[in-house]
Amino acid sequence: MIDAIVTSDLDRARATLLADPAIGCVACGGGSGETQLLTGFGRGVKPLLQWLAAGQNLHGYCAADRVVGKGAALLYARLGVTAVYAETMSEAGLSALRAHGIEASYGTLVPVILNRMHTGMCPIEQSVAAIDDPVAAETAIRAAVARLMRRS
């Protein structure tokens, strides 16, 4: 059960995400009586990797995202969020969030996140298919991103 503060932060993150199609994800929270709103731009897990690289601490924050597969879910666990809303969430993403004690809600639940060509599984979701540890997931995701960048 999520409390009123979490619900308010999650609603604010969701509303901010839905109000601007240029935003990829939003985190809302902070404590100390002062709510902070962080916005991430770029596709996929790029904003989450940027927040991790910057040492961003999102413990107690709520997040809203366009698409959450297992990879993004494990990165959110690594960041320490309390709740995640996704417009589209995979079944594996939902399971990963719940396994890490993160409240999860979504607009659409899908069996798997597809790659951008819709010809197979998303390479980020595929890179963490057998991983449940958020630290190991970050390493695997960064390696997958590096491989994808070399192909471009």
N, C-alpha and C. Protein backbone atom coordinates (compact mmCIF):
# COMPACT_ATOMS: atom_id res chain seq x y z
N MET A 1 0.85 -1.19 0.00
CA MET A 1 0.00 0.00 0.00
C MET A 1 0.88 1.24 0.00
N ILE A 2 0.61 2.17 -0.88
CA ILE A 2 1.43 3.37 -0.94
C ILE A 2 0.73 4.50 -0.19
N ASP A 3 1.53 5.33 0.49
CA ASP A 3 0.97 6.41 1.29
C ASP A 3 0.65 7.64 0.44
N ALA A 4 0.06 8.66 1.06
CA ALA A 4 -0.40 9.85 0.35
C ALA A 4 0.75 10.62 -0.31
N ILE A 5 1.90 10.71 0.35
CA ILE A 5 3.03 11.44 -0.22
C ILE A 5 3.52 10.74 -1.48
N VAL A 6 3.65 9.41 -1.41
CA VAL A 6 4.09 8.64 -2.58
C VAL A 6 3.08 8.81 -3.72
N THR A 7 1.80 8.71 -3.39
CA THR A 7 0.76 8.87 -4.41
C THR A 7 0.86 10.24 -5.05
N SER A 8 1.04 11.28 -4.26
CA SER A 8 1.16 12.64 -4.78
C SER A 8 2.39 12.78 -5.68
N ASP A 9 3.54 12.26 -5.23
CA ASP A 9 4.76 12.33 -6.04
C ASP A 9 4.61 11.54 -7.34
N LEU A 10 3.99 10.37 -7.26
CA LEU A 10 3.79 9.55 -8.45
C LEU A 10 2.84 10.25 -9.42
N ASP A 11 1.77 10.84 -8.90
CA ASP A 11 0.83 11.57 -9.76
C ASP A 11 1.51 12.76 -10.43
N ARG A 12 2.36 13.46 -9.70
CA ARG A 12 3.07 14.62 -10.27
C ARG A 12 4.05 14.17 -11.35
N ALA A 13 4.78 13.08 -11.08
CA ALA A 13 5.73 12.56 -12.08
C ALA A 13 4.97 12.13 -13.34
N ARG A 14 3.88 11.44 -13.15
CA ARG A 14 3.07 10.95 -14.29
C ARG A 14 2.52 12.13 -15.10
N ALA A 15 1.96 13.12 -14.42
CA ALA A 15 1.38 14.28 -15.11
C ALA A 15 2.46 15.03 -15.89
N THR A 16 3.64 15.17 -15.32
CA THR A 16 4.74 15.86 -16.01
C THR A 16 5.16 15.08 -17.25
N LEU A 17 5.27 13.76 -17.13
CA LEU A 17 5.64 12.92 -18.27
C LEU A 17 4.61 13.06 -19.39
N LEU A 18 3.36 12.94 -19.05
CA LEU A 18 2.30 12.94 -20.06
C LEU A 18 2.09 14.31 -20.68
N ALA A 19 2.52 15.38 -20.01
CA ALA A 19 2.33 16.73 -20.52
C ALA A 19 3.33 17.12 -21.60
N ASP A 20 4.45 16.40 -21.69
CA ASP A 20 5.50 16.79 -22.63
C ASP A 20 6.08 15.56 -23.32
N PRO A 21 5.77 15.35 -24.60
CA PRO A 21 6.26 14.16 -25.30
C PRO A 21 7.77 14.12 -25.46
N ALA A 22 8.47 15.22 -25.23
CA ALA A 22 9.94 15.23 -25.33
C ALA A 22 10.61 14.60 -24.11
N ILE A 23 9.86 14.49 -23.01
CA ILE A 23 10.42 13.92 -21.78
C ILE A 23 10.34 12.40 -21.85
N GLY A 24 11.46 11.74 -21.52
CA GLY A 24 11.51 10.27 -21.51
C GLY A 24 11.10 9.69 -20.17
N CYS A 25 11.51 10.36 -19.07
CA CYS A 25 11.16 9.89 -17.75
C CYS A 25 11.23 11.05 -16.76
N VAL A 26 10.56 10.87 -15.63
CA VAL A 26 10.49 11.90 -14.60
C VAL A 26 10.63 11.21 -13.25
N ALA A 27 11.36 11.86 -12.34
CA ALA A 27 11.44 11.39 -10.96
C ALA A 27 11.01 12.54 -10.06
N CYS A 28 10.19 12.22 -9.07
CA CYS A 28 9.65 13.25 -8.19
C CYS A 28 9.80 12.77 -6.75
N GLY A 29 10.31 13.62 -5.88
CA GLY A 29 10.46 13.26 -4.47
C GLY A 29 11.50 14.13 -3.81
N GLY A 30 12.08 13.62 -2.76
CA GLY A 30 13.17 14.34 -2.11
C GLY A 30 13.11 14.38 -0.62
N GLY A 31 11.96 14.58 -0.04
CA GLY A 31 11.89 14.67 1.41
C GLY A 31 12.29 16.05 1.90
N SER A 32 12.54 16.19 3.19
CA SER A 32 12.91 17.46 3.83
C SER A 32 11.90 18.56 3.52
N GLY A 33 10.66 18.18 3.22
CA GLY A 33 9.62 19.15 2.95
C GLY A 33 9.74 19.83 1.60
N GLU A 34 10.75 19.49 0.82
CA GLU A 34 10.95 20.12 -0.47
C GLU A 34 10.97 19.06 -1.57
N THR A 35 9.95 19.05 -2.39
CA THR A 35 9.87 18.08 -3.47
C THR A 35 10.69 18.55 -4.66
N GLN A 36 11.47 17.64 -5.21
CA GLN A 36 12.26 17.93 -6.40
C GLN A 36 11.68 17.16 -7.58
N LEU A 37 11.82 17.74 -8.74
CA LEU A 37 11.36 17.10 -9.97
C LEU A 37 12.54 17.02 -10.92
N LEU A 38 12.89 15.81 -11.30
CA LEU A 38 13.99 15.59 -12.26
C LEU A 38 13.39 15.07 -13.55
N THR A 39 13.84 15.60 -14.67
CA THR A 39 13.36 15.11 -15.95
C THR A 39 14.52 14.51 -16.72
N GLY A 40 14.23 13.42 -17.40
CA GLY A 40 15.23 12.75 -18.23
C GLY A 40 14.80 12.81 -19.69
N PHE A 41 15.76 13.15 -20.54
CA PHE A 41 15.47 13.25 -21.97
C PHE A 41 16.27 12.17 -22.70
N GLY A 42 15.79 11.77 -23.83
CA GLY A 42 16.44 10.71 -24.59
C GLY A 42 15.60 9.45 -24.53
N ARG A 43 15.91 8.54 -25.43
CA ARG A 43 15.13 7.31 -25.55
C ARG A 43 15.70 6.21 -24.68
N GLY A 44 14.85 5.25 -24.40
CA GLY A 44 15.29 4.05 -23.70
C GLY A 44 15.80 4.34 -22.30
N VAL A 45 16.87 3.63 -21.93
CA VAL A 45 17.42 3.73 -20.57
C VAL A 45 18.48 4.82 -20.45
N LYS A 46 18.70 5.57 -21.51
CA LYS A 46 19.75 6.60 -21.49
C LYS A 46 19.64 7.55 -20.28
N PRO A 47 18.46 8.13 -19.99
CA PRO A 47 18.38 9.04 -18.84
C PRO A 47 18.72 8.33 -17.51
N LEU A 48 18.32 7.08 -17.37
CA LEU A 48 18.60 6.35 -16.13
C LEU A 48 20.09 6.12 -15.97
N LEU A 49 20.76 5.77 -17.06
CA LEU A 49 22.21 5.58 -17.03
C LEU A 49 22.92 6.90 -16.73
N GLN A 50 22.39 8.00 -17.24
CA GLN A 50 22.97 9.31 -16.95
C GLN A 50 22.81 9.65 -15.47
N TRP A 51 21.64 9.39 -14.90
CA TRP A 51 21.43 9.65 -13.48
C TRP A 51 22.38 8.81 -12.63
N LEU A 52 22.55 7.54 -13.00
CA LEU A 52 23.47 6.68 -12.25
C LEU A 52 24.91 7.18 -12.37
N ALA A 53 25.33 7.57 -13.56
CA ALA A 53 26.69 8.06 -13.77
C ALA A 53 26.95 9.34 -12.97
N ALA A 54 25.91 10.13 -12.78
CA ALA A 54 26.03 11.39 -12.04
C ALA A 54 25.95 11.17 -10.52
N GLY A 55 25.71 9.91 -10.11
CA GLY A 55 25.60 9.62 -8.68
C GLY A 55 24.29 10.07 -8.07
N GLN A 56 23.28 10.22 -8.90
CA GLN A 56 21.98 10.69 -8.44
C GLN A 56 21.37 9.69 -7.45
N ASN A 57 20.90 10.18 -6.33
CA ASN A 57 20.25 9.35 -5.31
C ASN A 57 18.75 9.59 -5.40
N LEU A 58 18.02 8.58 -5.79
CA LEU A 58 16.56 8.71 -5.93
C LEU A 58 15.81 7.92 -4.86
N HIS A 59 16.45 7.66 -3.73
CA HIS A 59 15.78 6.93 -2.65
C HIS A 59 14.57 7.74 -2.19
N GLY A 60 13.42 7.10 -2.21
CA GLY A 60 12.18 7.74 -1.81
C GLY A 60 11.47 8.47 -2.93
N TYR A 61 12.05 8.54 -4.10
CA TYR A 61 11.41 9.20 -5.24
C TYR A 61 10.42 8.25 -5.90
N CYS A 62 9.51 8.84 -6.66
CA CYS A 62 8.62 8.10 -7.54
C CYS A 62 8.99 8.48 -8.97
N ALA A 63 8.80 7.56 -9.89
CA ALA A 63 9.19 7.80 -11.27
C ALA A 63 8.06 7.47 -12.23
N ALA A 64 8.08 8.17 -13.35
CA ALA A 64 7.16 7.87 -14.45
C ALA A 64 8.02 7.79 -15.71
N ASP A 65 7.70 6.83 -16.56
CA ASP A 65 8.53 6.55 -17.73
C ASP A 65 7.63 6.15 -18.89
N ARG A 66 8.15 6.31 -20.09
CA ARG A 66 7.39 5.91 -21.28
C ARG A 66 7.30 4.38 -21.38
N VAL A 67 8.46 3.71 -21.26
CA VAL A 67 8.53 2.26 -21.42
C VAL A 67 9.44 1.69 -20.33
N VAL A 68 8.94 0.68 -19.63
CA VAL A 68 9.76 0.02 -18.61
C VAL A 68 9.75 -1.48 -18.86
N GLY A 69 10.91 -1.97 -19.29
CA GLY A 69 11.14 -3.41 -19.38
C GLY A 69 11.94 -3.82 -18.16
N LYS A 70 12.44 -5.03 -18.17
CA LYS A 70 13.20 -5.52 -17.03
C LYS A 70 14.47 -4.70 -16.82
N GLY A 71 15.13 -4.28 -17.90
CA GLY A 71 16.35 -3.49 -17.77
C GLY A 71 16.09 -2.18 -17.03
N ALA A 72 15.10 -1.43 -17.48
CA ALA A 72 14.77 -0.17 -16.81
C ALA A 72 14.33 -0.42 -15.37
N ALA A 73 13.56 -1.47 -15.15
CA ALA A 73 13.09 -1.79 -13.80
C ALA A 73 14.27 -2.01 -12.85
N LEU A 74 15.27 -2.76 -13.32
CA LEU A 74 16.45 -3.01 -12.47
C LEU A 74 17.27 -1.74 -12.27
N LEU A 75 17.31 -0.86 -13.26
CA LEU A 75 17.99 0.42 -13.07
C LEU A 75 17.23 1.30 -12.07
N TYR A 76 15.92 1.28 -12.12
CA TYR A 76 15.14 2.02 -11.12
C TYR A 76 15.40 1.45 -9.72
N ALA A 77 15.52 0.13 -9.61
CA ALA A 77 15.86 -0.47 -8.31
C ALA A 77 17.23 0.01 -7.85
N ARG A 78 18.17 0.08 -8.77
CA ARG A 78 19.53 0.56 -8.46
C ARG A 78 19.50 2.01 -7.99
N LEU A 79 18.62 2.81 -8.60
CA LEU A 79 18.49 4.22 -8.21
C LEU A 79 17.77 4.40 -6.88
N GLY A 80 17.01 3.39 -6.46
CA GLY A 80 16.36 3.44 -5.15
C GLY A 80 14.95 4.02 -5.13
N VAL A 81 14.26 4.05 -6.26
CA VAL A 81 12.92 4.62 -6.27
C VAL A 81 11.93 3.78 -5.47
N THR A 82 10.84 4.41 -5.08
CA THR A 82 9.79 3.76 -4.29
C THR A 82 8.67 3.22 -5.16
N ALA A 83 8.36 3.95 -6.24
CA ALA A 83 7.25 3.57 -7.12
C ALA A 83 7.56 3.99 -8.55
N VAL A 84 7.03 3.22 -9.51
CA VAL A 84 7.23 3.51 -10.93
C VAL A 84 5.90 3.35 -11.66
N TYR A 85 5.59 4.36 -12.48
CA TYR A 85 4.49 4.27 -13.44
C TYR A 85 5.11 4.23 -14.82
N ALA A 86 4.62 3.36 -15.70
CA ALA A 86 5.08 3.34 -17.09
C ALA A 86 3.87 3.33 -18.01
N GLU A 87 3.96 4.08 -19.10
CA GLU A 87 2.90 4.02 -20.09
C GLU A 87 2.79 2.60 -20.62
N THR A 88 3.97 1.97 -20.90
CA THR A 88 4.02 0.58 -21.33
C THR A 88 5.04 -0.14 -20.45
N MET A 89 4.65 -1.27 -19.89
CA MET A 89 5.53 -2.04 -19.02
C MET A 89 5.47 -3.51 -19.44
N SER A 90 6.64 -4.15 -19.43
CA SER A 90 6.67 -5.59 -19.73
C SER A 90 6.37 -6.40 -18.47
N GLU A 91 5.95 -7.63 -18.69
CA GLU A 91 5.68 -8.52 -17.56
C GLU A 91 6.95 -8.73 -16.73
N ALA A 92 8.10 -8.85 -17.39
CA ALA A 92 9.37 -9.03 -16.68
C ALA A 92 9.73 -7.76 -15.90
N GLY A 93 9.43 -6.61 -16.46
CA GLY A 93 9.66 -5.34 -15.76
C GLY A 93 8.81 -5.24 -14.50
N LEU A 94 7.54 -5.61 -14.63
CA LEU A 94 6.64 -5.60 -13.48
C LEU A 94 7.14 -6.54 -12.39
N SER A 95 7.54 -7.75 -12.78
CA SER A 95 8.05 -8.73 -11.81
C SER A 95 9.31 -8.22 -11.12
N ALA A 96 10.22 -7.60 -11.88
CA ALA A 96 11.47 -7.09 -11.31
C ALA A 96 11.19 -5.97 -10.31
N LEU A 97 10.29 -5.06 -10.66
CA LEU A 97 9.96 -3.99 -9.73
C LEU A 97 9.39 -4.55 -8.44
N ARG A 98 8.43 -5.44 -8.57
CA ARG A 98 7.81 -6.03 -7.37
C ARG A 98 8.81 -6.82 -6.54
N ALA A 99 9.72 -7.54 -7.20
CA ALA A 99 10.73 -8.33 -6.48
C ALA A 99 11.65 -7.43 -5.65
N HIS A 100 11.78 -6.17 -6.06
CA HIS A 100 12.64 -5.23 -5.33
C HIS A 100 11.83 -4.28 -4.45
N GLY A 101 10.56 -4.63 -4.21
CA GLY A 101 9.73 -3.87 -3.28
C GLY A 101 9.30 -2.52 -3.80
N ILE A 102 9.26 -2.36 -5.13
CA ILE A 102 8.88 -1.10 -5.74
C ILE A 102 7.44 -1.20 -6.22
N GLU A 103 6.61 -0.25 -5.82
CA GLU A 103 5.23 -0.21 -6.29
C GLU A 103 5.24 0.03 -7.80
N ALA A 104 4.40 -0.66 -8.53
CA ALA A 104 4.39 -0.55 -9.98
C ALA A 104 2.98 -0.36 -10.50
N SER A 105 2.85 0.57 -11.47
CA SER A 105 1.58 0.75 -12.16
C SER A 105 1.89 1.07 -13.62
N TYR A 106 0.92 0.89 -14.48
CA TYR A 106 1.18 1.02 -15.91
C TYR A 106 -0.11 1.35 -16.66
N GLY A 107 0.09 1.87 -17.86
CA GLY A 107 -1.04 2.08 -18.77
C GLY A 107 -1.35 0.81 -19.52
N THR A 108 -0.29 0.18 -20.08
CA THR A 108 -0.43 -1.05 -20.84
C THR A 108 0.64 -2.04 -20.39
N LEU A 109 0.23 -3.27 -20.11
CA LEU A 109 1.16 -4.35 -19.77
C LEU A 109 1.32 -5.24 -20.99
N VAL A 110 2.58 -5.46 -21.40
CA VAL A 110 2.86 -6.28 -22.57
C VAL A 110 3.73 -7.48 -22.16
N PRO A 111 3.70 -8.55 -22.95
CA PRO A 111 4.52 -9.72 -22.60
C PRO A 111 6.01 -9.40 -22.61
N VAL A 112 6.45 -8.58 -23.58
CA VAL A 112 7.87 -8.27 -23.72
C VAL A 112 8.01 -6.92 -24.44
N ILE A 113 9.09 -6.22 -24.15
CA ILE A 113 9.38 -4.98 -24.88
C ILE A 113 10.10 -5.38 -26.18
N LEU A 114 9.61 -4.86 -27.29
CA LEU A 114 10.20 -5.18 -28.58
C LEU A 114 11.30 -4.18 -28.95
N ASN A 115 12.18 -4.60 -29.85
CA ASN A 115 13.20 -3.68 -30.36
C ASN A 115 12.51 -2.61 -31.21
N ARG A 116 13.25 -1.61 -31.62
CA ARG A 116 12.66 -0.48 -32.34
C ARG A 116 12.10 -0.86 -33.70
N MET A 117 12.60 -1.96 -34.27
CA MET A 117 12.09 -2.44 -35.57
C MET A 117 10.89 -3.37 -35.40
N HIS A 118 10.58 -3.72 -34.15
CA HIS A 118 9.49 -4.65 -33.82
C HIS A 118 9.71 -6.03 -34.43
N THR A 119 10.99 -6.43 -34.49
CA THR A 119 11.33 -7.74 -35.08
C THR A 119 11.80 -8.75 -34.03
N GLY A 120 11.90 -8.33 -32.79
CA GLY A 120 12.36 -9.21 -31.72
C GLY A 120 12.40 -8.46 -30.40
N MET A 121 12.95 -9.12 -29.40
CA MET A 121 13.02 -8.53 -28.08
C MET A 121 13.99 -7.35 -28.05
N CYS A 122 13.65 -6.35 -27.26
CA CYS A 122 14.52 -5.20 -27.03
C CYS A 122 15.88 -5.69 -26.54
N PRO A 123 16.98 -5.20 -27.10
CA PRO A 123 18.30 -5.68 -26.70
C PRO A 123 18.64 -5.38 -25.23
N ILE A 124 18.06 -4.35 -24.68
CA ILE A 124 18.31 -4.04 -23.26
C ILE A 124 17.58 -5.06 -22.38
N GLU A 125 16.35 -5.35 -22.70
CA GLU A 125 15.60 -6.35 -21.94
C GLU A 125 16.27 -7.72 -22.08
N GLN A 126 16.74 -8.01 -23.28
CA GLN A 126 17.42 -9.28 -23.53
C GLN A 126 18.72 -9.38 -22.73
N SER A 127 19.43 -8.25 -22.57
CA SER A 127 20.72 -8.27 -21.87
C SER A 127 20.60 -8.60 -20.39
N VAL A 128 19.40 -8.43 -19.82
CA VAL A 128 19.20 -8.72 -18.39
C VAL A 128 18.22 -9.86 -18.14
N ALA A 129 17.91 -10.59 -19.19
CA ALA A 129 16.90 -11.66 -19.06
C ALA A 129 17.21 -12.64 -17.94
N ALA A 130 18.49 -12.95 -17.73
CA ALA A 130 18.87 -13.92 -16.68
C ALA A 130 19.47 -13.23 -15.45
N ILE A 131 19.27 -11.91 -15.32
CA ILE A 131 19.86 -11.15 -14.21
C ILE A 131 18.76 -10.59 -13.33
N ASP A 132 18.96 -10.68 -12.02
CA ASP A 132 18.01 -10.10 -11.06
C ASP A 132 18.66 -9.06 -10.16
N ASP A 133 19.98 -8.97 -10.18
CA ASP A 133 20.72 -8.04 -9.33
C ASP A 133 20.88 -6.70 -10.05
N PRO A 134 20.44 -5.59 -9.44
CA PRO A 134 20.53 -4.28 -10.10
C PRO A 134 21.96 -3.85 -10.45
N VAL A 135 22.95 -4.19 -9.64
CA VAL A 135 24.34 -3.82 -9.94
C VAL A 135 24.82 -4.57 -11.18
N ALA A 136 24.57 -5.88 -11.21
CA ALA A 136 24.95 -6.68 -12.37
C ALA A 136 24.18 -6.23 -13.61
N ALA A 137 22.93 -5.82 -13.42
CA ALA A 137 22.12 -5.35 -14.55
C ALA A 137 22.70 -4.09 -15.16
N GLU A 138 23.15 -3.16 -14.31
CA GLU A 138 23.74 -1.93 -14.84
C GLU A 138 24.96 -2.25 -15.72
N THR A 139 25.80 -3.16 -15.26
CA THR A 139 26.98 -3.55 -16.04
C THR A 139 26.58 -4.17 -17.37
N ALA A 140 25.61 -5.08 -17.34
CA ALA A 140 25.15 -5.74 -18.57
C ALA A 140 24.50 -4.74 -19.53
N ILE A 141 23.75 -3.81 -19.00
CA ILE A 141 23.08 -2.81 -19.84
C ILE A 141 24.10 -1.88 -20.48
N ARG A 142 25.08 -1.44 -19.71
CA ARG A 142 26.11 -0.56 -20.28
C ARG A 142 26.87 -1.28 -21.40
N ALA A 143 27.13 -2.58 -21.22
CA ALA A 143 27.81 -3.36 -22.27
C ALA A 143 26.91 -3.48 -23.51
N ALA A 144 25.61 -3.69 -23.31
CA ALA A 144 24.67 -3.78 -24.44
C ALA A 144 24.58 -2.47 -25.18
N VAL A 145 24.54 -1.37 -24.45
CA VAL A 145 24.49 -0.05 -25.08
C VAL A 145 25.76 0.20 -25.89
N ALA A 146 26.90 -0.16 -25.34
CA ALA A 146 28.18 0.01 -26.06
C ALA A 146 28.16 -0.79 -27.37
N ARG A 147 27.64 -2.03 -27.33
CA ARG A 147 27.54 -2.84 -28.55
C ARG A 147 26.62 -2.18 -29.56
N LEU A 148 25.51 -1.66 -29.10
CA LEU A 148 24.55 -1.00 -30.00
C LEU A 148 25.15 0.26 -30.62
N MET A 149 25.92 0.99 -29.84
CA MET A 149 26.56 2.23 -30.34
C MET A 149 27.59 1.90 -31.42
N ARG A 150 28.29 0.80 -31.26
CA ARG A 150 29.29 0.39 -32.26
C ARG A 150 28.63 0.04 -33.58
N ARG A 151 27.40 -0.50 -33.53
CA ARG A 151 26.67 -0.88 -34.75
C ARG A 151 26.13 0.32 -35.50
N SER A 152 25.89 1.41 -34.79
CA SER A 152 25.27 2.59 -35.41
C SER A 152 26.17 3.28 -36.39
